[in-house]
Amino acid sequence: MDEKGLVTTYLQRKGCSKNSIQTYVRNLVRIMKRLKSKNIESENVTYPELMDNISHLRNQGISQRSIQSYLISIIHYYEALLQAGIVITNPGKYITLKVQQTKKLYPILSKEQLENLYTTFDIHAYRKTKPTAVASAIRNKIITGLMIYQGLTITALAGLTVEDVDVLGGTIQIKSSRKHAART
């Protein structure tokens, strides 16, 4: 099995998403290309050579977050090689990079503000330009209610299908995701 296939299989067993696997493999291709240009075999890479690679990425103006992604790709790659018995150590295992947290936290609405948002949601204030405007307004109020009272996320709402809704029973089946269990 080639190196890409080996890493892909390893990442699939770890439960990585398809997009994550594609990103890690793309990062590895770039790193391996640079190593080959310096006549370095990937199985014989040392810690200083990996640090040189990281310095090269920094000099190219690549963001710290992207460099962190490259490092994670390297660590996964060598863990896959370790499990396959191709190498005996993971040279990237002890490299740590500090990444600035850039998450912006928004103020949380109080229970009263959420109640007010739902109760003042006017389904009669729709645009009269489209024949489906009334249905859209009702749908939007229902979605707002599900978000406020049931704590549904945008991802959970996007995953809903007609089969998930039992109008007569008054229930909605929410599918499980990577972060949440299925629920009714």
Foldseek 3Di string as FASTA:
>chain_A
DDLLVLLLVLVVVVVDDPVLSVLLSVLVVVLVVVCVVVVHDLQPDALVNVVVVLVVCVVVVHDPVSSVSSLVSLQSSVVSCCVVVNHVDRRSPPDDDDDDDDDDDDDDDDLVVLVVVLVPLDLVPFDPPDPCGSVVSVVVSVVSCCCNVVVDDPVQVVPFDPVQDDPVVRGGWGPADPVGHIDD
